[in-house]
Amino acid sequence: MSISDSSLSATLRQLRKALGLSQLELSLRLGVSQRHVSFVESDRAKPSHELLTHWLVELNAPAILRNEAMLQAGYAPDYGISTLDEAALEQAQQALQQLLATHDPMPALVIDAHWNLVQLNRGGLWLAETLMPGAMTLAEEGSINLLDLLVHPEGFTKAILNLEEVGSTFLMRLRRDVSVQPELKPRVEAFESLLCDRLGITHLPTHPLSSAEPVMTTRYLTQHGELSFFSMFSTFGTLQDISATSLRVEHMFAADAATRQVLSEQVR
């Protein structure tokens, strides 16, 4: 079931539980009684527009779910929906292109809330084709979803040397995504199944594996030797459009001098 198929009460319960908050904890954040939270979550009361806005902020609801919740409550949605090629988002598109170009030759890619690949720079294209030759030709068949590329038999996970460490950590992030975007569940379950199969285990840990590194580094075995990267993410913080606010830019950085040298030589 998707969020859009749910009631407001179900949506708010699901978002609260995804954060691990009790009704009491949420009521203290909202400045209302626990009884009122209970009434709203059981569909016996309807929050005002002002309270619902505060509620959704406290639950860290993404823009698309804020719109859904507002519609479920009978209010107008907070955010518009445009495509990146529309004039209204020209500045956002230019900002994305600048971020991608500036990061070359290091890989950078733009991903939407469902892990669809929106754009990538030259470094990102080179890395994708290095890890999975022909990966970008899939774009001719429709949009490319990064989770699909992870679970593909010849996909990105095949080249990861420290799969147990990064795979389990990434899976925990995906499980959090599923808690507010149930439509991701089949892809996340497929990724979990692949990890168990590759690692020869029946279940994965529920907590991150300990690491001596200050940041999570992913190590790939490629025809150019071992390549190591860590990532940072950028998001829009002020735009009032779902198409932009749901996007994030992953900036991949070389974790060692050897990786920097390979990228500098190979990405033209």
C-alpha atoms as a PDB file:
ATOM      1  CA  MET A   1       0.000   0.000   0.000  1.00  0.00           C
ATOM      2  CA  SER A   2       1.328   3.436  -0.848  1.00  0.00           C
ATOM      3  CA  ILE A   3       0.978   6.480   1.351  1.00  0.00           C
ATOM      4  CA  SER A   4      -1.478   7.945  -1.163  1.00  0.00           C
ATOM      5  CA  ASP A   5      -3.819   4.980  -0.520  1.00  0.00           C
ATOM      6  CA  SER A   6      -3.806   5.649   3.246  1.00  0.00           C
ATOM      7  CA  SER A   7      -5.830   7.907   5.508  1.00  0.00           C
ATOM      8  CA  LEU A   8      -4.310  10.902   7.272  1.00  0.00           C
ATOM      9  CA  SER A   9      -4.331   9.000  10.550  1.00  0.00           C
ATOM     10  CA  ALA A  10      -2.415   6.085   9.016  1.00  0.00           C
ATOM     11  CA  THR A  11       0.076   8.422   7.367  1.00  0.00           C
ATOM     12  CA  LEU A  12       0.828  10.249  10.613  1.00  0.00           C
ATOM     13  CA  ARG A  13       1.145   7.008  12.584  1.00  0.00           C
ATOM     14  CA  GLN A  14       3.520   5.574  10.008  1.00  0.00           C
ATOM     15  CA  LEU A  15       5.719   8.673  10.002  1.00  0.00           C
ATOM     16  CA  ARG A  16       5.841   8.801  13.813  1.00  0.00           C
ATOM     17  CA  LYS A  17       6.763   5.136  14.123  1.00  0.00           C
ATOM     18  CA  ALA A  18       9.460   5.541  11.470  1.00  0.00           C
ATOM     19  CA  LEU A  19      11.178   8.018  13.800  1.00  0.00           C
ATOM     20  CA  GLY A  20      10.700   5.760  16.827  1.00  0.00           C
ATOM     21  CA  LEU A  21       8.662   8.402  18.677  1.00  0.00           C
ATOM     22  CA  SER A  22       5.931   7.625  21.199  1.00  0.00           C
ATOM     23  CA  GLN A  23       2.694   9.565  21.163  1.00  0.00           C
ATOM     24  CA  LEU A  24       3.793  11.270  24.371  1.00  0.00           C
ATOM     25  CA  GLU A  25       7.126  12.367  22.896  1.00  0.00           C
ATOM     26  CA  LEU A  26       5.384  13.739  19.826  1.00  0.00           C
ATOM     27  CA  SER A  27       2.770  15.558  21.894  1.00  0.00           C
ATOM     28  CA  LEU A  28       5.517  17.330  23.858  1.00  0.00           C
ATOM     29  CA  ARG A  29       7.142  18.456  20.612  1.00  0.00           C
ATOM     30  CA  LEU A  30       3.819  19.700  19.254  1.00  0.00           C
ATOM     31  CA  GLY A  31       2.651  21.379  22.442  1.00  0.00           C
ATOM     32  CA  VAL A  32      -0.622  19.439  22.505  1.00  0.00           C
ATOM     33  CA  SER A  33      -1.941  16.675  24.740  1.00  0.00           C
ATOM     34  CA  GLN A  34      -1.126  13.013  24.160  1.00  0.00           C
ATOM     35  CA  ARG A  35      -4.887  12.512  24.058  1.00  0.00           C
ATOM     36  CA  HIS A  36      -5.165  14.821  21.035  1.00  0.00           C
ATOM     37  CA  VAL A  37      -2.355  12.991  19.235  1.00  0.00           C
ATOM     38  CA  SER A  38      -4.172   9.733  19.926  1.00  0.00           C
ATOM     39  CA  PHE A  39      -7.455  11.136  18.629  1.00  0.00           C
ATOM     40  CA  VAL A  40      -5.854  12.346  15.375  1.00  0.00           C
ATOM     41  CA  GLU A  41      -4.039   9.043  14.851  1.00  0.00           C
ATOM     42  CA  SER A  42      -7.259   7.118  15.400  1.00  0.00           C
ATOM     43  CA  ASP A  43      -9.175   9.354  13.004  1.00  0.00           C
ATOM     44  CA  ARG A  44     -11.381  10.796  15.760  1.00  0.00           C
ATOM     45  CA  ALA A  45     -10.073  14.355  15.358  1.00  0.00           C
ATOM     46  CA  LYS A  46      -8.691  16.475  12.534  1.00  0.00           C
ATOM     47  CA  PRO A  47      -5.725  18.813  13.099  1.00  0.00           C
ATOM     48  CA  SER A  48      -5.897  22.415  11.988  1.00  0.00           C
ATOM     49  CA  HIS A  49      -3.803  23.415   8.988  1.00  0.00           C
ATOM     50  CA  GLU A  50      -1.306  25.150  11.306  1.00  0.00           C
ATOM     51  CA  LEU A  51      -1.003  22.137  13.603  1.00  0.00           C
ATOM     52  CA  LEU A  52      -0.710  19.689  10.715  1.00  0.00           C
ATOM     53  CA  THR A  53       2.087  21.788   9.191  1.00  0.00           C
ATOM     54  CA  HIS A  54       3.940  21.720  12.539  1.00  0.00           C
ATOM     55  CA  TRP A  55       3.200  17.995  12.884  1.00  0.00           C
ATOM     56  CA  LEU A  56       4.716  17.157   9.502  1.00  0.00           C
ATOM     57  CA  VAL A  57       7.808  19.273  10.203  1.00  0.00           C
ATOM     58  CA  GLU A  58       8.388  17.476  13.517  1.00  0.00           C
ATOM     59  CA  LEU A  59       8.060  14.120  11.725  1.00  0.00           C
ATOM     60  CA  ASN A  60      10.593  15.160   9.059  1.00  0.00           C
ATOM     61  CA  ALA A  61       8.065  14.316   6.347  1.00  0.00           C
ATOM     62  CA  PRO A  62       9.487  14.786   2.844  1.00  0.00           C
ATOM     63  CA  ALA A  63       7.738  17.251   0.560  1.00  0.00           C
ATOM     64  CA  ILE A  64       5.812  14.642  -1.391  1.00  0.00           C
ATOM     65  CA  LEU A  65       4.360  13.193   1.826  1.00  0.00           C
ATOM     66  CA  ARG A  66       3.498  16.654   3.142  1.00  0.00           C
ATOM     67  CA  ASN A  67       1.409  17.162   0.032  1.00  0.00           C
ATOM     68  CA  GLU A  68      -0.245  13.773   0.500  1.00  0.00           C
ATOM     69  CA  ALA A  69      -1.058  14.483   4.139  1.00  0.00           C
ATOM     70  CA  MET A  70      -2.492  17.917   3.343  1.00  0.00           C
ATOM     71  CA  LEU A  71      -4.728  16.415   0.668  1.00  0.00           C
ATOM     72  CA  GLN A  72      -5.818  13.640   3.026  1.00  0.00           C
ATOM     73  CA  ALA A  73      -6.801  16.320   5.555  1.00  0.00           C
ATOM     74  CA  GLY A  74      -8.757  18.249   2.928  1.00  0.00           C
ATOM     75  CA  TYR A  75      -6.245  21.107   2.636  1.00  0.00           C
ATOM     76  CA  ALA A  76      -4.446  22.424  -0.432  1.00  0.00           C
ATOM     77  CA  PRO A  77      -0.984  20.904  -1.003  1.00  0.00           C
ATOM     78  CA  ASP A  78       2.010  22.927   0.160  1.00  0.00           C
ATOM     79  CA  TYR A  79       4.248  22.262  -2.825  1.00  0.00           C
ATOM     80  CA  GLY A  80       3.925  22.561  -6.580  1.00  0.00           C
ATOM     81  CA  ILE A  81       4.988  19.809  -8.952  1.00  0.00           C
ATOM     82  CA  SER A  82       7.047  20.731 -12.005  1.00  0.00           C
ATOM     83  CA  THR A  83       9.574  18.974 -14.183  1.00  0.00           C
ATOM     84  CA  LEU A  84      13.191  20.096 -14.258  1.00  0.00           C
ATOM     85  CA  ASP A  85      12.921  21.150 -17.893  1.00  0.00           C
ATOM     86  CA  GLU A  86      10.164  23.665 -17.124  1.00  0.00           C
ATOM     87  CA  ALA A  87      11.017  27.370 -16.991  1.00  0.00           C
ATOM     88  CA  ALA A  88       9.939  27.570 -13.329  1.00  0.00           C
ATOM     89  CA  LEU A  89      12.871  25.398 -12.311  1.00  0.00           C
ATOM     90  CA  GLU A  90      15.474  26.860 -14.662  1.00  0.00           C
ATOM     91  CA  GLN A  91      17.541  28.210 -11.772  1.00  0.00           C
ATOM     92  CA  ALA A  92      17.424  24.859  -9.991  1.00  0.00           C
ATOM     93  CA  GLN A  93      18.524  23.079 -13.153  1.00  0.00           C
ATOM     94  CA  GLN A  94      21.416  25.493 -13.609  1.00  0.00           C
ATOM     95  CA  ALA A  95      22.475  24.945  -9.997  1.00  0.00           C
ATOM     96  CA  LEU A  96      22.474  21.185 -10.478  1.00  0.00           C
ATOM     97  CA  GLN A  97      24.507  21.423 -13.666  1.00  0.00           C
ATOM     98  CA  GLN A  98      27.022  23.658 -11.917  1.00  0.00           C
ATOM     99  CA  LEU A  99      27.385  21.234  -9.017  1.00  0.00           C
ATOM    100  CA  LEU A 100      27.910  18.302 -11.380  1.00  0.00           C
ATOM    101  CA  ALA A 101      30.407  20.095 -13.619  1.00  0.00           C
ATOM    102  CA  THR A 102      32.395  21.518 -10.712  1.00  0.00           C
ATOM    103  CA  HIS A 103      32.809  18.074  -9.177  1.00  0.00           C
ATOM    104  CA  ASP A 104      34.364  16.493 -12.293  1.00  0.00           C
ATOM    105  CA  PRO A 105      36.417  14.352 -12.601  1.00  0.00           C
ATOM    106  CA  MET A 106      35.078  12.925  -9.336  1.00  0.00           C
ATOM    107  CA  PRO A 107      31.696  11.180  -9.806  1.00  0.00           C
ATOM    108  CA  ALA A 108      28.496  13.058  -8.960  1.00  0.00           C
ATOM    109  CA  LEU A 109      24.899  12.104  -9.651  1.00  0.00           C
ATOM    110  CA  VAL A 110      21.418  13.506  -9.061  1.00  0.00           C
ATOM    111  CA  ILE A 111      18.894  11.070  -7.554  1.00  0.00           C
ATOM    112  CA  ASP A 112      15.211  11.520  -6.818  1.00  0.00           C
ATOM    113  CA  ALA A 113      13.293  10.248  -3.789  1.00  0.00           C
ATOM    114  CA  HIS A 114      12.725   6.851  -5.425  1.00  0.00           C
ATOM    115  CA  TRP A 115      16.409   6.378  -6.318  1.00  0.00           C
ATOM    116  CA  ASN A 116      15.863   7.127  -9.998  1.00  0.00           C
ATOM    117  CA  LEU A 117      18.941   8.543 -11.698  1.00  0.00           C
ATOM    118  CA  VAL A 118      18.120  12.045 -12.946  1.00  0.00           C
ATOM    119  CA  GLN A 119      21.516  13.348 -14.064  1.00  0.00           C
ATOM    120  CA  LEU A 120      25.195  12.572 -13.673  1.00  0.00           C
ATOM    121  CA  ASN A 121      28.507  14.178 -14.588  1.00  0.00           C
ATOM    122  CA  ARG A 122      31.360  12.798 -16.690  1.00  0.00           C
ATOM    123  CA  GLY A 123      32.970  11.177 -13.655  1.00  0.00           C
ATOM    124  CA  GLY A 124      29.700   9.507 -12.714  1.00  0.00           C
ATOM    125  CA  LEU A 125      29.189   8.211 -16.242  1.00  0.00           C
ATOM    126  CA  TRP A 126      32.731   6.836 -16.335  1.00  0.00           C
ATOM    127  CA  LEU A 127      32.359   5.070 -12.985  1.00  0.00           C
ATOM    128  CA  ALA A 128      28.973   3.574 -13.908  1.00  0.00           C
ATOM    129  CA  GLU A 129      30.317   2.181 -17.168  1.00  0.00           C
ATOM    130  CA  THR A 130      33.453   0.914 -15.396  1.00  0.00           C
ATOM    131  CA  LEU A 131      31.482  -0.947 -12.737  1.00  0.00           C
ATOM    132  CA  MET A 132      28.811  -2.228 -15.137  1.00  0.00           C
ATOM    133  CA  PRO A 133      29.651  -1.923 -18.846  1.00  0.00           C
ATOM    134  CA  GLY A 134      26.564  -0.936 -20.786  1.00  0.00           C
ATOM    135  CA  ALA A 135      24.741   0.321 -17.701  1.00  0.00           C
ATOM    136  CA  MET A 136      23.826   3.643 -19.277  1.00  0.00           C
ATOM    137  CA  THR A 137      22.333   1.968 -22.342  1.00  0.00           C
ATOM    138  CA  LEU A 138      19.474   0.955 -20.037  1.00  0.00           C
ATOM    139  CA  ALA A 139      18.380   4.589 -20.216  1.00  0.00           C
ATOM    140  CA  GLU A 140      17.111   3.875 -23.707  1.00  0.00           C
ATOM    141  CA  GLU A 141      14.573   1.478 -22.170  1.00  0.00           C
ATOM    142  CA  GLY A 142      13.336   4.068 -19.660  1.00  0.00           C
ATOM    143  CA  SER A 143      14.529   5.719 -16.477  1.00  0.00           C
ATOM    144  CA  ILE A 144      17.417   4.135 -14.613  1.00  0.00           C
ATOM    145  CA  ASN A 145      16.850   3.196 -10.990  1.00  0.00           C
ATOM    146  CA  LEU A 146      20.004   2.825  -8.907  1.00  0.00           C
ATOM    147  CA  LEU A 147      18.456   0.132  -6.731  1.00  0.00           C
ATOM    148  CA  ASP A 148      17.799  -1.911  -9.878  1.00  0.00           C
ATOM    149  CA  LEU A 149      21.453  -1.520 -10.860  1.00  0.00           C
ATOM    150  CA  LEU A 150      22.506  -2.713  -7.409  1.00  0.00           C
ATOM    151  CA  VAL A 151      20.491  -5.940  -7.638  1.00  0.00           C
ATOM    152  CA  HIS A 152      21.276  -6.672 -11.287  1.00  0.00           C
ATOM    153  CA  PRO A 153      23.351  -9.899 -11.602  1.00  0.00           C
ATOM    154  CA  GLU A 154      26.161  -7.889 -13.190  1.00  0.00           C
ATOM    155  CA  GLY A 155      25.383  -4.725 -11.220  1.00  0.00           C
ATOM    156  CA  PHE A 156      27.362  -2.416  -8.980  1.00  0.00           C
ATOM    157  CA  THR A 157      27.451  -4.659  -5.901  1.00  0.00           C
ATOM    158  CA  LYS A 158      29.466  -7.278  -7.791  1.00  0.00           C
ATOM    159  CA  ALA A 159      32.548  -5.031  -7.689  1.00  0.00           C
ATOM    160  CA  ILE A 160      32.281  -3.958  -4.023  1.00  0.00           C
ATOM    161  CA  LEU A 161      35.085  -5.445  -1.936  1.00  0.00           C
ATOM    162  CA  ASN A 162      33.705  -4.463   1.502  1.00  0.00           C
ATOM    163  CA  LEU A 163      30.121  -5.441   0.704  1.00  0.00           C
ATOM    164  CA  GLU A 164      29.288  -6.702   4.203  1.00  0.00           C
ATOM    165  CA  GLU A 165      30.123  -3.347   5.764  1.00  0.00           C
ATOM    166  CA  VAL A 166      28.633  -0.940   3.237  1.00  0.00           C
ATOM    167  CA  GLY A 167      25.772  -3.221   2.213  1.00  0.00           C
ATOM    168  CA  SER A 168      24.328  -3.601   5.696  1.00  0.00           C
ATOM    169  CA  THR A 169      24.682   0.130   6.398  1.00  0.00           C
ATOM    170  CA  PHE A 170      23.003   1.069   3.134  1.00  0.00           C
ATOM    171  CA  LEU A 171      20.223  -1.448   3.754  1.00  0.00           C
ATOM    172  CA  MET A 172      19.395   0.232   7.063  1.00  0.00           C
ATOM    173  CA  ARG A 173      19.053   3.540   5.235  1.00  0.00           C
ATOM    174  CA  LEU A 174      16.762   1.936   2.669  1.00  0.00           C
ATOM    175  CA  ARG A 175      14.605   0.437   5.414  1.00  0.00           C
ATOM    176  CA  ARG A 176      14.085   3.945   6.777  1.00  0.00           C
ATOM    177  CA  ASP A 177      13.082   5.082   3.286  1.00  0.00           C
ATOM    178  CA  VAL A 178      10.550   2.250   3.070  1.00  0.00           C
ATOM    179  CA  SER A 179       8.968   3.349   6.330  1.00  0.00           C
ATOM    180  CA  VAL A 180       7.741   6.514   4.600  1.00  0.00           C
ATOM    181  CA  GLN A 181       7.730   5.261   1.002  1.00  0.00           C
ATOM    182  CA  PRO A 182       6.250   1.739   1.010  1.00  0.00           C
ATOM    183  CA  GLU A 183       6.427   1.529  -2.779  1.00  0.00           C
ATOM    184  CA  LEU A 184      10.198   1.029  -2.422  1.00  0.00           C
ATOM    185  CA  LYS A 185       9.702  -2.201  -0.463  1.00  0.00           C
ATOM    186  CA  PRO A 186      10.037  -4.692  -3.392  1.00  0.00           C
ATOM    187  CA  ARG A 187      13.341  -3.164  -4.496  1.00  0.00           C
ATOM    188  CA  VAL A 188      14.691  -3.021  -0.953  1.00  0.00           C
ATOM    189  CA  GLU A 189      13.714  -6.644  -0.314  1.00  0.00           C
ATOM    190  CA  ALA A 190      15.471  -7.638  -3.544  1.00  0.00           C
ATOM    191  CA  PHE A 191      18.618  -5.820  -2.374  1.00  0.00           C
ATOM    192  CA  GLU A 192      18.475  -7.541   1.020  1.00  0.00           C
ATOM    193  CA  SER A 193      18.069 -10.924  -0.669  1.00  0.00           C
ATOM    194  CA  LEU A 194      21.060 -10.242  -2.900  1.00  0.00           C
ATOM    195  CA  LEU A 195      23.217  -9.259   0.073  1.00  0.00           C
ATOM    196  CA  CYS A 196      22.331 -12.415   1.976  1.00  0.00           C
ATOM    197  CA  ASP A 197      23.085 -14.511  -1.094  1.00  0.00           C
ATOM    198  CA  ARG A 198      26.416 -12.796  -1.818  1.00  0.00           C
ATOM    199  CA  LEU A 199      27.517 -12.891   1.813  1.00  0.00           C
ATOM    200  CA  GLY A 200      26.276 -16.431   2.436  1.00  0.00           C
ATOM    201  CA  ILE A 201      24.125 -15.497   5.437  1.00  0.00           C
ATOM    202  CA  THR A 202      20.440 -15.807   6.281  1.00  0.00           C
ATOM    203  CA  HIS A 203      19.934 -12.371   7.807  1.00  0.00           C
ATOM    204  CA  LEU A 204      21.771  -9.065   8.095  1.00  0.00           C
ATOM    205  CA  PRO A 205      22.656  -7.123  11.266  1.00  0.00           C
ATOM    206  CA  THR A 206      20.191  -4.490  12.440  1.00  0.00           C
ATOM    207  CA  HIS A 207      22.955  -2.112  13.557  1.00  0.00           C
ATOM    208  CA  PRO A 208      25.900  -0.641  11.589  1.00  0.00           C
ATOM    209  CA  LEU A 209      29.084  -2.668  11.664  1.00  0.00           C
ATOM    210  CA  SER A 210      31.919  -0.977  13.525  1.00  0.00           C
ATOM    211  CA  SER A 211      34.654   0.607  11.450  1.00  0.00           C
ATOM    212  CA  ALA A 212      37.934   2.331  12.227  1.00  0.00           C
ATOM    213  CA  GLU A 213      37.350   4.792   9.372  1.00  0.00           C
ATOM    214  CA  PRO A 214      35.868   8.236  10.206  1.00  0.00           C
ATOM    215  CA  VAL A 215      33.584   8.035   7.147  1.00  0.00           C
ATOM    216  CA  MET A 216      32.071   5.094   5.309  1.00  0.00           C
ATOM    217  CA  THR A 217      34.317   4.181   2.370  1.00  0.00           C
ATOM    218  CA  THR A 218      33.238   1.922  -0.468  1.00  0.00           C
ATOM    219  CA  ARG A 219      35.995  -0.036  -2.161  1.00  0.00           C
ATOM    220  CA  TYR A 220      35.532  -1.342  -5.718  1.00  0.00           C
ATOM    221  CA  LEU A 221      37.656  -3.854  -7.606  1.00  0.00           C
ATOM    222  CA  THR A 222      37.943  -2.649 -11.225  1.00  0.00           C
ATOM    223  CA  GLN A 223      40.108  -3.099 -14.291  1.00  0.00           C
ATOM    224  CA  HIS A 224      41.997  -0.005 -13.090  1.00  0.00           C
ATOM    225  CA  GLY A 225      42.755  -1.544  -9.723  1.00  0.00           C
ATOM    226  CA  GLU A 226      41.025  -0.839  -6.427  1.00  0.00           C
ATOM    227  CA  LEU A 227      39.028   2.418  -6.320  1.00  0.00           C
ATOM    228  CA  SER A 228      37.832   3.853  -3.008  1.00  0.00           C
ATOM    229  CA  PHE A 229      35.198   6.555  -2.473  1.00  0.00           C
ATOM    230  CA  PHE A 230      33.233   8.243   0.280  1.00  0.00           C
ATOM    231  CA  SER A 231      30.183  10.400  -0.330  1.00  0.00           C
ATOM    232  CA  MET A 232      28.481  13.633   0.699  1.00  0.00           C
ATOM    233  CA  PHE A 233      24.955  14.723  -0.249  1.00  0.00           C
ATOM    234  CA  SER A 234      23.491  18.094  -1.248  1.00  0.00           C
ATOM    235  CA  THR A 235      19.795  18.958  -1.255  1.00  0.00           C
ATOM    236  CA  PHE A 236      17.665  21.992  -1.998  1.00  0.00           C
ATOM    237  CA  GLY A 237      16.511  23.627   1.206  1.00  0.00           C
ATOM    238  CA  THR A 238      14.238  26.491   0.165  1.00  0.00           C
ATOM    239  CA  LEU A 239      12.462  25.617  -3.076  1.00  0.00           C
ATOM    240  CA  GLN A 240       8.690  25.120  -2.929  1.00  0.00           C
ATOM    241  CA  ASP A 241       8.456  22.422  -5.583  1.00  0.00           C
ATOM    242  CA  ILE A 242       8.457  18.678  -5.038  1.00  0.00           C
ATOM    243  CA  SER A 243      10.500  17.961  -8.154  1.00  0.00           C
ATOM    244  CA  ALA A 244      13.402  19.952  -6.745  1.00  0.00           C
ATOM    245  CA  THR A 245      13.094  19.352  -3.008  1.00  0.00           C
ATOM    246  CA  SER A 246      12.975  15.567  -3.490  1.00  0.00           C
ATOM    247  CA  LEU A 247      16.282  15.570  -5.358  1.00  0.00           C
ATOM    248  CA  ARG A 248      19.667  14.982  -3.796  1.00  0.00           C
ATOM    249  CA  VAL A 249      23.128  15.197  -5.301  1.00  0.00           C
ATOM    250  CA  GLU A 250      25.627  12.533  -4.306  1.00  0.00           C
ATOM    251  CA  HIS A 251      29.189  13.837  -4.479  1.00  0.00           C
ATOM    252  CA  MET A 252      31.700  11.007  -4.471  1.00  0.00           C
ATOM    253  CA  PHE A 253      35.241  11.796  -3.315  1.00  0.00           C
ATOM    254  CA  ALA A 254      38.382   9.743  -3.814  1.00  0.00           C
ATOM    255  CA  ALA A 255      39.405   8.164  -0.511  1.00  0.00           C
ATOM    256  CA  ASP A 256      43.045   7.754  -1.530  1.00  0.00           C
ATOM    257  CA  ALA A 257      45.675   9.146  -3.893  1.00  0.00           C
ATOM    258  CA  ALA A 258      45.557   6.132  -6.221  1.00  0.00           C
ATOM    259  CA  THR A 259      41.841   6.634  -6.886  1.00  0.00           C
ATOM    260  CA  ARG A 260      42.351  10.368  -7.514  1.00  0.00           C
ATOM    261  CA  GLN A 261      45.065   9.599 -10.036  1.00  0.00           C
ATOM    262  CA  VAL A 262      42.949   7.059 -11.941  1.00  0.00           C
ATOM    263  CA  LEU A 263      40.008   9.473 -12.188  1.00  0.00           C
ATOM    264  CA  SER A 264      42.269  12.318 -13.298  1.00  0.00           C
ATOM    265  CA  GLU A 265      43.752  10.168 -16.054  1.00  0.00           C
ATOM    266  CA  GLN A 266      40.568   8.407 -17.227  1.00  0.00           C
ATOM    267  CA  VAL A 267      37.848  11.080 -17.091  1.00  0.00           C
ATOM    268  CA  ARG A 268      38.204  13.434 -20.011  1.00  0.00           C
END
